[in-house]
Each structure stands twice: as C-alpha cells, then as structure tokens.
Amino acid sequence: MVLYENGSAKNVFHFFEEIARIPRGSGNTGKIADYLVSFANGRGLRNYRDAKDNVVIWKPATPGYEKNPAVILQGHTDMVAEKTPGLPKDMTREGVDIYTDGDFLRAHGTTLGGDDGIFVAYALALLDSKDAQHPEIEAVFTSDEEVGLLGATALDTSVLHGRTMINVDSDDEGVFTVGCAGGMRSDLTLPIERSSCILQAYEIVISGLAGGHSGAEIDKGRANATKLMGDFLSSLSGIRICDLHGGKADNAIPRECVAVICAAADPSGAAADFLAKMRERYGDIEPDMKITVRETAASLPMTAESTGRAIKLITSVPDGVIAMSTDIPGLVQTSLNLGITETRRDRLSLSHSVRSSKENEKLALAKRLEEIVVSLGGSYSQRGEYPAWEYRKTSRIRDCMVKVYRETYGKDPKVVAIHAGLECGIFSGKMPGLDCISFGPDNFDIHTTEEHLSISSSVRCWEFLLEVLRRL
C-alpha cells in the first residue's frame, strides 16, 4: 500500500508503513531496535544500541554545515498496543494494519502507533535523505516511554555531544512545548495500634466527585475525597477509625473515600451538615458530591491515640496547587496530589504524586511531607523521581522554530509548558545546558483504537522540520 505518493514526505510515509508491520508495544521493543540497527548498518551510519533497546544513529553534517552544532532529534519507539475486544491479533507478534481515511491514517481495530511512530518515520526519512541540509544529526530512539520514560532514564547520554534537541512527541500542530514538571511518588507510612471497643460501627462513603489527572486537572479546583474525609472525621469527637481507603492511583485525584469508624453517636446528621457546607464551597465544580452513612460490623479499631494521629496526618498534608509559574501565565508550577490512602493491620499509608517545574520546589515539597509524617511518628520514602524540564528564558532552538513557524504559517505558534512529565525532562536532567523543544503533527485519540493521524499535518510538520534544520 502506498500511503503518500508525492512530495518530500513520500519517504516519511514509506517508513511509517514499514514500522507499522513491526510489533512494538511497550516492553516489546527488540524487533524495532533490530530494524533500526539494520537500517543504519545498511547505510553505513554509525549507531549504538544498549541493553534497553535504546538506539542512537549518527548522520554527518551535509556540506556547508560541518561547523554548526550537532542537533539531537529524539522520540520513542514503543506504542500503546491496544485492540478492540475479540480482534484475532496477537500484538506481541504482529504489527498493525494501517489504512487511509480521507486526511487520516488509521489502523484496523488497534491503536495506530502514530504516538510516536511519526517521529521514527521522520527520523528515518531524514537519515535516508540525500537532499536535506542539516548539521550533524544524532537521532535518539528511546524505548518504553509509555510505561514510565524507562528508556530515556536508562540511556547513557555521554554518547551524545549535541546540546540542541528537538523532541517529536507532541500531538498538536503549532504547539511548541518548552518545559514540563518533574515529579516523584512520595510514600508516607504511619504506624498504628488497635484495641477493641463497644461502640457502634458506621461506614462513611464520600463519592461522586469529578476526580481527574493530577497533572492536567489539578488546577480545576476539584475536591479530593480523602482530604474531605479527613476534614469530616476531624469534626467528630470520640471516634475510633477501623478502616480507611481512598483513591486508586497516585496520579489521579480521588473520587471516592470509604471509612469505617466506631462512634458513640450516629454521624448521619453531622454528615448532612458537612455535605451542605462542601456543596456550598465547591458549587458547580462538584455537583454530584455525596456522603452516605450506614451501620456496619466493626473490625478491630485503632486506639484513640492512633486515630488522632491518622486524622492529623491526613488533614496536615498539603494538597493541590502550591504555586503558579511567574514565567508562563496559567501554568501550574508546583502541586501535589494525595492519590492513594489505605490501612493495614499495623499502619496507615498515604501515597502522593509530587510535581514541579522547579526542581528546588519539588524537593522542598517532598521535605515538607517528610517532616509532617516524621513529627507524627511515621516514616517517609520516595520513588520514581524524574527531573523538571525548566523553562529557559533564552533558547536558540525556540527562537528559530518560532521564527520559521511565523514565516511559514503567517501566525505565531503557541509556546507552552505542561504540568506533566516528558522525556525532555529526563534528558535535561542528565545533560546540563541542553536546549530543547517538543513539537509534532496533529494526532487524535492517542492510546485508543480510534487513534488517527493527520496526513496533511504530518506533511507540513515534516517540511517545517526540514526548514528548521536548514537554518540551524
């Protein structure tokens, strides 16, 4: 099948079709790495492959560009491999079946892999080209981005000498990303003791909240069900907590929290009053908020002292937006989300997603959580830390791309930073002084079987990329 027959982008779609035949779901990147190494060797291009299936391919500068600084072109090889129920396709062994639908590329019953297959296709077309003008190219193909930026984290960046990087992993044409939050998971553990009591047990459920992603929706003012539960329990006297569970993921704002308590009086009236106050506070943001109370059987409750410390911990930890950016209007700079809360026989555990585009603020917020839990007799640990990609007030690559875009499209691009993690953050953390930017063509419904990539946008972005490289 010929996806696109004319113009400079013909080879882009040729390579896109070739890699579509290769199974390359996250964790299954060996065959695409094999293909890339074979591609490079077949063209006499120096290349490097590591144990994580990261691949780097070098192409020398074209005549006249030998003294210009090298440019890193970067993206990831893995895709989210999803299929419709019942589709007889083994995505660990088979590629995807792509087709054209007007201006779009789609796949029959599966994810397309435009995220980030379009980068792979651009890079291969550039490495294969005999006409493009450019400085030395260091094409960096990372693995397993979709499951935690694992390839970028593992890559030995000492093999690279460029300090200008173009990442092709954005999904909106005309939007240039120039910064992202760093983050970590912060785990708080509070030892608890239990003892029996003769009080009636009640199950309290706070539910119906909007929830959302702790990066994209943290600034929407949405309620955290676990934090609400802490506030409600702190308003009751003489209670003992038996069980407390809230949230399902560190990076999702909890929509529901369930507590089982022992109490001398039915808390239903207090719950109704609390709900009224919270509905007034949150208004249209949380129209479906509910609190239900029912009698239940009790498990062994915490002691009164452990109950007090547990409530103190939940109500003391900060949550939500901590600071907004002074460089980019409307951008959340620092935030955290109490994502998962659970009790075990001898402990209460809280897991947070901490984010900041300022490394010092991220670390300070983590330290604040540690101080709170340690003051209550608990312990702190962290995992999955990744660095912030901090906005650069001076950027040669940003200035060049904005200028080329303005001249090509007759309008200004959107220059944004996001409150989430990107591979650019990993590279920036490893390579001091790295000047990088992320862009890409229009790709819709990514990570779903409805994913579709705009052909015309892909062509425009390819031609735009060639012009940027010609000017660098």
Protein backbone atom coordinates (compact mmCIF):
# COMPACT_ATOMS: atom_id res chain seq x y z
CA MET A 1 0.00 0.00 0.00
CA VAL A 2 1.28 3.46 -0.89
CA LEU A 3 0.19 5.95 1.75
CA TYR A 4 1.51 9.09 0.12
CA GLU A 5 2.99 9.33 -3.36
CA ASN A 6 4.14 12.91 -3.86
CA GLY A 7 6.49 15.50 -2.42
CA SER A 8 9.30 15.42 0.08
CA ALA A 9 7.24 13.50 2.64
CA LYS A 10 6.85 10.39 0.47
CA ASN A 11 9.64 8.62 2.34
CA VAL A 12 8.14 9.57 5.71
CA PHE A 13 5.05 7.52 4.98
CA HIS A 14 7.08 4.73 3.40
CA PHE A 15 8.93 4.28 6.70
CA PHE A 16 5.76 4.74 8.73
CA GLU A 17 4.24 1.83 6.82
CA GLU A 18 7.36 -0.28 7.33
CA ILE A 19 7.50 0.17 11.10
CA ALA A 20 3.73 -0.42 11.37
CA ARG A 21 4.47 -4.04 10.43
CA ILE A 22 6.76 -4.41 13.46
CA PRO A 23 5.22 -5.28 16.86
CA ARG A 24 6.50 -2.62 19.24
CA GLY A 25 4.25 -2.35 22.24
CA SER A 26 5.91 -1.14 25.44
CA GLY A 27 8.17 -3.87 26.79
CA ASN A 28 8.40 -5.46 23.35
CA THR A 29 10.88 -3.21 21.54
CA GLY A 30 13.54 -5.70 20.50
CA LYS A 31 12.36 -6.06 16.90
CA ILE A 32 12.10 -2.32 16.24
CA ALA A 33 15.60 -1.89 17.69
CA ASP A 34 16.82 -4.67 15.37
CA TYR A 35 15.23 -2.84 12.44
CA LEU A 36 16.87 0.48 13.33
CA VAL A 37 20.34 -1.05 13.67
CA SER A 38 19.91 -2.89 10.36
CA PHE A 39 18.74 0.35 8.73
CA ALA A 40 21.82 2.20 9.97
CA ASN A 41 24.28 -0.53 9.04
CA GLY A 42 22.77 -0.75 5.57
CA ARG A 43 23.56 2.92 5.01
CA GLY A 44 26.96 2.96 6.66
CA LEU A 45 25.74 5.14 9.54
CA ARG A 46 27.42 4.90 12.94
CA ASN A 47 25.00 3.56 15.54
CA TYR A 48 24.70 2.49 19.17
CA ARG A 49 22.27 0.15 20.92
CA ASP A 50 22.04 -0.52 24.63
CA ALA A 51 20.53 -3.32 26.70
CA LYS A 52 17.20 -1.46 26.99
CA ASP A 53 16.73 -1.28 23.19
CA ASN A 54 17.58 2.41 23.02
CA VAL A 55 19.20 3.17 19.66
CA VAL A 56 21.25 6.18 18.54
CA ILE A 57 22.09 6.75 14.88
CA TRP A 58 24.51 9.45 13.74
CA LYS A 59 24.45 11.15 10.35
CA PRO A 60 27.27 13.55 9.40
CA ALA A 61 26.57 17.19 8.59
CA THR A 62 25.85 17.98 4.96
CA PRO A 63 28.32 20.20 3.04
CA GLY A 64 28.46 23.71 4.46
CA TYR A 65 27.15 22.66 7.90
CA GLU A 66 30.22 20.88 9.23
CA LYS A 67 31.00 23.62 11.78
CA ASN A 68 27.43 24.02 13.01
CA PRO A 69 26.50 22.46 16.38
CA ALA A 70 25.01 18.95 16.23
CA VAL A 71 21.24 18.56 16.61
CA ILE A 72 19.61 15.74 18.56
CA LEU A 73 16.34 14.51 17.05
CA GLN A 74 14.54 12.45 19.68
CA GLY A 75 11.41 10.40 20.26
CA HIS A 76 10.34 6.93 21.36
CA THR A 77 9.86 3.65 19.54
CA ASP A 78 7.24 1.98 21.73
CA MET A 79 3.50 2.36 21.36
CA VAL A 80 0.47 1.63 23.49
CA ALA A 81 -0.68 -1.67 21.98
CA GLU A 82 -4.45 -1.76 22.37
CA LYS A 83 -7.04 -3.62 20.28
CA THR A 84 -10.80 -3.92 20.13
CA PRO A 85 -12.31 -6.83 22.11
CA GLY A 86 -12.36 -10.05 20.15
CA LEU A 87 -9.92 -8.93 17.46
CA PRO A 88 -7.87 -12.01 16.46
CA LYS A 89 -4.50 -10.27 16.51
CA ASP A 90 -1.53 -11.03 18.74
CA MET A 91 0.04 -7.59 19.16
CA THR A 92 3.14 -9.10 20.75
CA ARG A 93 3.86 -10.88 17.46
CA GLU A 94 2.03 -8.85 14.80
CA GLY A 95 2.18 -5.27 13.63
CA VAL A 96 -0.83 -3.07 12.92
CA ASP A 97 -2.87 -2.87 9.73
CA ILE A 98 -2.99 0.76 8.66
CA TYR A 99 -5.18 2.44 6.06
CA THR A 100 -6.06 5.91 4.83
CA ASP A 101 -9.38 7.53 5.68
CA GLY A 102 -9.52 10.86 3.89
CA ASP A 103 -6.84 13.01 5.51
CA PHE A 104 -6.15 10.48 8.25
CA LEU A 105 -4.15 7.35 8.86
CA ARG A 106 -5.94 4.77 10.97
CA ALA A 107 -5.47 1.13 11.95
CA HIS A 108 -7.99 -1.69 11.70
CA GLY A 109 -9.14 -2.42 15.24
CA THR A 110 -5.97 -1.33 17.01
CA THR A 111 -4.04 1.70 18.11
CA LEU A 112 -2.25 3.27 15.16
CA GLY A 113 1.11 3.91 16.81
CA GLY A 114 1.35 7.45 15.49
CA ASP A 115 2.48 8.16 19.03
CA ASP A 116 5.39 8.04 18.48
CA GLY A 117 5.72 6.29 15.15
CA ILE A 118 5.66 9.61 13.31
CA PHE A 119 8.94 10.53 14.99
CA VAL A 120 10.52 7.24 13.91
CA ALA A 121 9.32 7.86 10.35
CA TYR A 122 10.62 11.45 10.32
CA ALA A 123 14.00 10.38 11.70
CA LEU A 124 14.41 7.52 9.23
CA ALA A 125 13.42 9.72 6.30
CA LEU A 126 15.95 12.34 7.39
CA LEU A 127 18.71 9.79 7.91
CA ASP A 128 17.93 8.31 4.49
CA SER A 129 17.70 11.64 2.66
CA LYS A 130 20.31 12.78 0.18
CA ASP A 131 18.73 16.21 -0.29
CA ALA A 132 18.07 17.59 3.22
CA GLN A 133 20.51 20.22 4.51
CA HIS A 134 21.42 19.95 8.16
CA PRO A 135 24.14 19.94 10.83
CA GLU A 136 25.27 16.62 12.25
CA ILE A 137 22.20 14.64 13.34
CA GLU A 138 22.09 12.47 16.45
CA ALA A 139 18.84 10.52 16.10
CA VAL A 140 17.87 9.12 19.51
CA PHE A 141 15.23 6.38 19.58
CA THR A 142 14.22 5.61 23.17
CA SER A 143 12.25 2.60 24.39
CA ASP A 144 9.37 2.15 26.83
CA GLU A 145 8.38 5.80 27.14
CA GLU A 146 4.72 4.89 27.60
CA VAL A 147 5.36 2.95 30.80
CA GLY A 148 7.43 5.47 32.73
CA LEU A 149 10.09 7.05 30.47
CA LEU A 150 12.19 3.96 31.12
CA GLY A 151 14.39 4.05 28.04
CA ALA A 152 15.32 7.71 28.43
CA THR A 153 16.09 7.10 32.09
CA ALA A 154 18.41 4.19 31.26
CA LEU A 155 20.21 5.75 28.28
CA ASP A 156 23.88 6.67 28.73
CA THR A 157 23.74 10.22 27.38
CA SER A 158 27.54 10.52 27.41
CA VAL A 159 27.43 9.07 23.88
CA LEU A 160 25.77 12.32 22.74
CA HIS A 161 27.63 15.59 22.22
CA GLY A 162 24.84 17.78 20.87
CA ARG A 163 23.20 20.29 23.22
CA THR A 164 20.26 21.24 21.00
CA MET A 165 17.38 18.77 20.95
CA ILE A 166 14.12 18.56 19.01
CA ASN A 167 11.69 16.07 20.53
CA VAL A 168 8.90 14.90 18.19
CA ASP A 169 6.30 13.64 20.65
CA SER A 170 3.64 16.35 20.76
CA ASP A 171 0.21 15.88 19.25
CA ASP A 172 -0.95 19.36 18.27
CA GLU A 173 0.48 21.14 15.24
CA GLY A 174 1.53 24.68 16.07
CA VAL A 175 2.04 23.99 19.77
CA PHE A 176 5.65 24.04 20.97
CA THR A 177 6.32 22.61 24.42
CA VAL A 178 9.28 24.20 26.19
CA GLY A 179 9.03 22.90 29.73
CA CYS A 180 7.44 20.27 31.91
CA ALA A 181 7.14 19.34 35.53
CA GLY A 182 9.46 16.99 37.30
CA GLY A 183 7.99 14.65 39.83
CA MET A 184 8.16 11.75 42.22
CA ARG A 185 5.98 9.44 44.26
CA SER A 186 6.13 10.25 47.98
CA ASP A 187 5.01 7.49 50.37
CA LEU A 188 4.08 8.26 53.98
CA THR A 189 3.69 5.41 56.48
CA LEU A 190 2.23 5.88 59.95
CA PRO A 191 2.40 3.01 62.48
CA ILE A 192 -0.91 2.37 64.23
CA GLU A 193 -2.12 0.33 67.18
CA ARG A 194 -5.52 -1.29 67.59
CA SER A 195 -7.72 -2.21 70.56
CA SER A 196 -11.31 -3.35 70.96
CA CYS A 197 -14.23 -1.12 71.93
CA ILE A 198 -18.01 -1.48 72.40
CA LEU A 199 -19.09 1.44 70.19
CA GLN A 200 -21.33 1.03 67.13
CA ALA A 201 -19.54 0.87 63.78
CA TYR A 202 -20.53 3.04 60.82
CA GLU A 203 -19.42 3.03 57.20
CA ILE A 204 -18.99 6.52 55.72
CA VAL A 205 -18.61 6.95 51.97
CA ILE A 206 -17.73 10.19 50.21
CA SER A 207 -18.31 9.70 46.48
CA GLY A 208 -19.48 11.26 43.21
CA LEU A 209 -16.51 13.60 42.84
CA ALA A 210 -15.13 14.65 39.45
CA GLY A 211 -11.59 13.36 40.04
CA GLY A 212 -9.18 13.67 37.12
CA HIS A 213 -5.48 13.55 36.28
CA SER A 214 -3.29 15.08 38.94
CA GLY A 215 -1.30 16.97 36.31
CA ALA A 216 -3.86 18.14 33.80
CA GLU A 217 -6.75 18.75 36.22
CA ILE A 218 -5.01 19.76 39.43
CA ASP A 219 -5.80 23.43 38.81
CA LYS A 220 -9.52 22.89 38.28
CA GLY A 221 -10.35 23.25 41.98
CA ARG A 222 -11.76 19.75 42.25
CA ALA A 223 -12.19 18.13 45.64
CA ASN A 224 -10.01 15.29 46.90
CA ALA A 225 -12.29 12.69 48.52
CA THR A 226 -9.64 11.58 51.03
CA LYS A 227 -8.89 15.11 52.15
CA LEU A 228 -12.64 15.71 52.58
CA MET A 229 -12.89 12.55 54.66
CA GLY A 230 -10.07 13.75 56.88
CA ASP A 231 -11.83 17.07 57.41
CA PHE A 232 -15.12 15.36 58.20
CA LEU A 233 -13.60 12.87 60.66
CA SER A 234 -11.75 15.69 62.42
CA SER A 235 -15.13 17.32 63.13
CA LEU A 236 -16.36 14.25 65.05
CA SER A 237 -15.47 13.57 68.67
CA GLY A 238 -14.78 10.31 70.45
CA ILE A 239 -14.41 8.20 67.31
CA ARG A 240 -12.11 5.29 66.51
CA ILE A 241 -11.09 4.50 62.91
CA CYS A 242 -11.33 0.86 61.87
CA ASP A 243 -10.54 1.20 58.19
CA LEU A 244 -9.85 3.95 55.65
CA HIS A 245 -9.36 3.63 51.90
CA GLY A 246 -9.32 6.30 49.22
CA GLY A 247 -8.10 6.67 45.65
CA LYS A 248 -6.83 4.16 43.10
CA ALA A 249 -3.72 5.79 41.60
CA ASP A 250 -1.03 8.22 42.75
CA ASN A 251 -1.64 10.45 39.76
CA ALA A 252 -5.45 10.52 39.90
CA ILE A 253 -7.46 12.85 42.15
CA PRO A 254 -9.52 10.51 44.39
CA ARG A 255 -13.21 10.45 43.50
CA GLU A 256 -14.20 8.29 46.48
CA CYS A 257 -13.09 7.55 50.01
CA VAL A 258 -14.52 4.94 52.40
CA ALA A 259 -14.06 4.97 56.16
CA VAL A 260 -15.33 2.59 58.82
CA ILE A 261 -15.41 4.13 62.28
CA CYS A 262 -16.71 3.33 65.72
CA ALA A 263 -18.66 6.17 67.31
CA ALA A 264 -20.89 6.79 70.31
CA ALA A 265 -23.44 8.69 68.18
CA ASP A 266 -24.76 8.21 64.66
CA PRO A 267 -22.74 10.62 62.43
CA SER A 268 -25.52 10.91 59.80
CA GLY A 269 -26.62 14.36 60.95
CA ALA A 270 -23.05 15.67 61.02
CA ALA A 271 -22.52 14.20 57.54
CA ALA A 272 -25.56 16.03 56.16
CA ASP A 273 -24.31 19.32 57.61
CA PHE A 274 -20.80 18.74 56.24
CA LEU A 275 -22.17 17.89 52.79
CA ALA A 276 -24.18 21.11 52.71
CA LYS A 277 -21.09 23.15 53.54
CA MET A 278 -18.97 21.35 50.94
CA ARG A 279 -21.60 21.79 48.23
CA GLU A 280 -21.64 25.50 49.00
CA ARG A 281 -17.85 25.60 48.90
CA TYR A 282 -17.42 23.69 45.63
CA GLY A 283 -20.64 24.71 43.87
CA ASP A 284 -20.74 23.72 40.21
CA ILE A 285 -17.30 22.10 40.40
CA GLU A 286 -18.65 19.10 42.33
CA PRO A 287 -22.40 18.89 41.63
CA ASP A 288 -22.60 15.12 42.26
CA MET A 289 -20.82 15.01 45.62
CA LYS A 290 -22.44 12.57 48.07
CA ILE A 291 -21.88 11.39 51.65
CA THR A 292 -23.62 8.25 52.83
CA VAL A 293 -23.61 6.73 56.32
CA ARG A 294 -24.82 3.28 57.35
CA GLU A 295 -24.37 0.97 60.29
CA THR A 296 -21.97 -1.90 59.71
CA ALA A 297 -19.98 -4.57 61.50
CA ALA A 298 -16.75 -3.38 63.08
CA SER A 299 -13.29 -4.71 62.54
CA LEU A 300 -10.77 -4.12 65.30
CA PRO A 301 -10.47 -0.32 65.57
CA MET A 302 -7.40 1.81 66.06
CA THR A 303 -6.74 3.14 69.51
CA ALA A 304 -7.92 6.65 70.23
CA GLU A 305 -4.33 7.86 70.08
CA SER A 306 -3.66 6.21 66.69
CA THR A 307 -6.97 7.55 65.37
CA GLY A 308 -5.96 11.07 66.34
CA ARG A 309 -2.58 10.77 64.65
CA ALA A 310 -4.14 9.29 61.49
CA ILE A 311 -6.62 12.14 61.18
CA LYS A 312 -3.88 14.66 61.94
CA LEU A 313 -1.73 13.24 59.14
CA ILE A 314 -4.49 13.35 56.51
CA THR A 315 -5.56 16.88 57.40
CA SER A 316 -1.99 18.23 57.72
CA VAL A 317 -0.53 17.16 54.39
CA PRO A 318 -0.90 19.86 51.71
CA ASP A 319 -2.82 19.03 48.55
CA GLY A 320 -3.49 20.64 45.17
CA VAL A 321 -1.80 23.66 43.62
CA ILE A 322 1.07 25.05 45.69
CA ALA A 323 2.48 27.66 43.28
CA MET A 324 1.80 29.07 39.82
CA SER A 325 4.50 29.96 37.31
CA THR A 326 5.74 33.54 37.12
CA ASP A 327 7.22 32.89 33.65
CA ILE A 328 4.23 31.34 31.86
CA PRO A 329 0.75 32.69 32.76
CA GLY A 330 -1.72 29.99 33.76
CA LEU A 331 0.88 27.24 34.23
CA VAL A 332 0.86 25.30 37.48
CA GLN A 333 4.40 25.36 38.77
CA THR A 334 4.18 23.13 41.84
CA SER A 335 1.48 20.77 43.07
CA LEU A 336 0.85 17.52 44.84
CA ASN A 337 -1.96 15.01 44.98
CA LEU A 338 -2.85 12.64 47.80
CA GLY A 339 -3.67 9.75 45.49
CA ILE A 340 -3.89 6.50 47.46
CA THR A 341 -4.74 6.04 51.14
CA GLU A 342 -5.05 2.62 52.72
CA THR A 343 -4.95 0.96 56.13
CA ARG A 344 -3.36 -2.31 57.10
CA ARG A 345 -3.33 -4.11 60.42
CA ASP A 346 -0.43 -2.08 61.77
CA ARG A 347 -0.12 1.01 59.55
CA LEU A 348 -1.76 3.77 57.56
CA SER A 349 -0.19 4.53 54.15
CA LEU A 350 -0.51 7.66 52.03
CA SER A 351 0.93 7.91 48.52
CA HIS A 352 1.37 11.29 46.82
CA SER A 353 2.24 12.43 43.33
CA VAL A 354 4.50 15.47 43.69
CA ARG A 355 5.13 17.69 40.64
CA SER A 356 7.03 20.89 39.97
CA SER A 357 8.69 22.63 37.07
CA LYS A 358 11.20 23.99 39.62
CA GLU A 359 13.49 21.30 40.98
CA ASN A 360 14.10 23.11 44.26
CA GLU A 361 10.35 23.48 44.89
CA LYS A 362 9.76 19.79 44.17
CA LEU A 363 12.42 18.80 46.70
CA ALA A 364 11.16 21.31 49.26
CA LEU A 365 7.62 19.95 48.99
CA ALA A 366 8.86 16.39 49.46
CA LYS A 367 10.81 17.54 52.51
CA ARG A 368 7.67 19.14 53.92
CA LEU A 369 5.78 15.85 53.62
CA GLU A 370 8.64 14.03 55.33
CA GLU A 371 8.66 16.49 58.22
CA ILE A 372 4.91 16.15 58.75
CA VAL A 373 4.86 12.34 58.89
CA VAL A 374 8.03 12.08 60.97
CA SER A 375 6.60 14.55 63.51
CA LEU A 376 3.70 12.13 63.99
CA GLY A 377 5.95 9.11 64.48
CA GLY A 378 5.89 7.84 60.90
CA SER A 379 8.36 7.34 58.07
CA TYR A 380 8.88 8.70 54.57
CA SER A 381 10.17 7.21 51.31
CA GLN A 382 10.10 8.21 47.67
CA ARG A 383 10.34 6.50 44.28
CA GLY A 384 10.13 7.15 40.58
CA GLU A 385 11.77 10.57 40.73
CA TYR A 386 12.25 12.38 37.44
CA PRO A 387 13.66 15.88 36.92
CA ALA A 388 11.87 19.01 35.83
CA TRP A 389 12.43 20.43 32.39
CA GLU A 390 12.71 24.04 33.43
CA TYR A 391 11.66 26.84 31.08
CA ARG A 392 14.66 28.63 29.57
CA LYS A 393 14.31 32.37 29.17
CA THR A 394 16.93 32.22 26.41
CA SER A 395 16.60 29.44 23.82
CA ARG A 396 18.16 29.36 20.36
CA ILE A 397 16.04 26.44 19.18
CA ARG A 398 12.81 28.03 20.42
CA ASP A 399 13.62 31.33 18.73
CA CYS A 400 14.48 29.58 15.46
CA MET A 401 11.34 27.44 15.41
CA VAL A 402 9.05 30.33 16.31
CA LYS A 403 10.57 32.44 13.52
CA VAL A 404 10.26 29.67 10.92
CA TYR A 405 6.71 28.93 12.01
CA ARG A 406 5.71 32.58 11.80
CA GLU A 407 7.20 32.92 8.31
CA THR A 408 5.68 29.64 7.11
CA TYR A 409 2.20 29.81 8.63
CA GLY A 410 1.72 33.57 8.87
CA LYS A 411 0.88 33.41 12.57
CA ASP A 412 2.55 32.74 15.90
CA PRO A 413 2.70 29.25 17.39
CA LYS A 414 1.58 28.52 20.92
CA VAL A 415 4.58 28.16 23.21
CA VAL A 416 3.59 26.22 26.31
CA ALA A 417 4.87 24.30 29.28
CA ILE A 418 2.90 21.45 30.80
CA HIS A 419 2.39 20.14 34.31
CA ALA A 420 3.34 16.56 33.44
CA GLY A 421 6.44 14.52 32.68
CA LEU A 422 8.16 14.27 29.28
CA GLU A 423 11.35 12.64 28.06
CA CYS A 424 12.78 16.14 27.60
CA GLY A 425 12.85 16.39 31.38
CA ILE A 426 14.95 13.23 31.65
CA PHE A 427 17.42 14.47 29.06
CA SER A 428 17.60 17.96 30.57
CA GLY A 429 18.37 16.45 33.94
CA LYS A 430 21.21 14.35 32.52
CA MET A 431 22.66 16.90 30.10
CA PRO A 432 23.36 20.31 31.67
CA GLY A 433 22.80 23.18 29.27
CA LEU A 434 20.53 21.20 26.95
CA ASP A 435 18.32 23.50 24.84
CA CYS A 436 15.28 21.53 23.76
CA ILE A 437 11.75 21.82 22.44
CA SER A 438 8.93 19.40 21.60
CA PHE A 439 6.56 19.56 18.64
CA GLY A 440 4.61 17.27 16.34
CA PRO A 441 1.68 16.93 13.93
CA ASP A 442 -1.99 16.55 14.78
CA ASN A 443 -2.68 13.10 16.22
CA PHE A 444 -6.04 12.33 17.80
CA ASP A 445 -7.42 9.80 20.30
CA ILE A 446 -3.95 8.50 21.12
CA HIS A 447 -3.69 5.33 23.22
CA THR A 448 -7.09 4.18 21.91
CA THR A 449 -8.27 2.08 18.99
CA GLU A 450 -9.70 5.29 17.49
CA GLU A 451 -6.27 6.88 17.12
CA HIS A 452 -5.88 8.78 13.84
CA LEU A 453 -3.01 10.84 12.48
CA SER A 454 -3.49 13.76 10.09
CA ILE A 455 -1.64 13.21 6.81
CA SER A 456 -1.64 16.87 5.79
CA SER A 457 -0.42 17.97 9.23
CA SER A 458 2.33 15.35 9.12
CA VAL A 459 3.46 16.69 5.74
CA ARG A 460 3.50 20.30 6.95
CA CYS A 461 5.43 19.40 10.10
CA TRP A 462 7.96 17.40 8.07
CA GLU A 463 8.59 20.33 5.74
CA PHE A 464 8.75 22.64 8.74
CA LEU A 465 11.34 20.38 10.40
CA LEU A 466 13.49 20.37 7.27
CA GLU A 467 13.46 24.18 7.15
CA VAL A 468 14.37 24.45 10.84
CA LEU A 469 17.32 22.10 10.36
CA ARG A 470 18.43 24.06 7.30
CA ARG A 471 18.64 27.21 9.44
CA LEU A 472 20.41 25.71 12.45
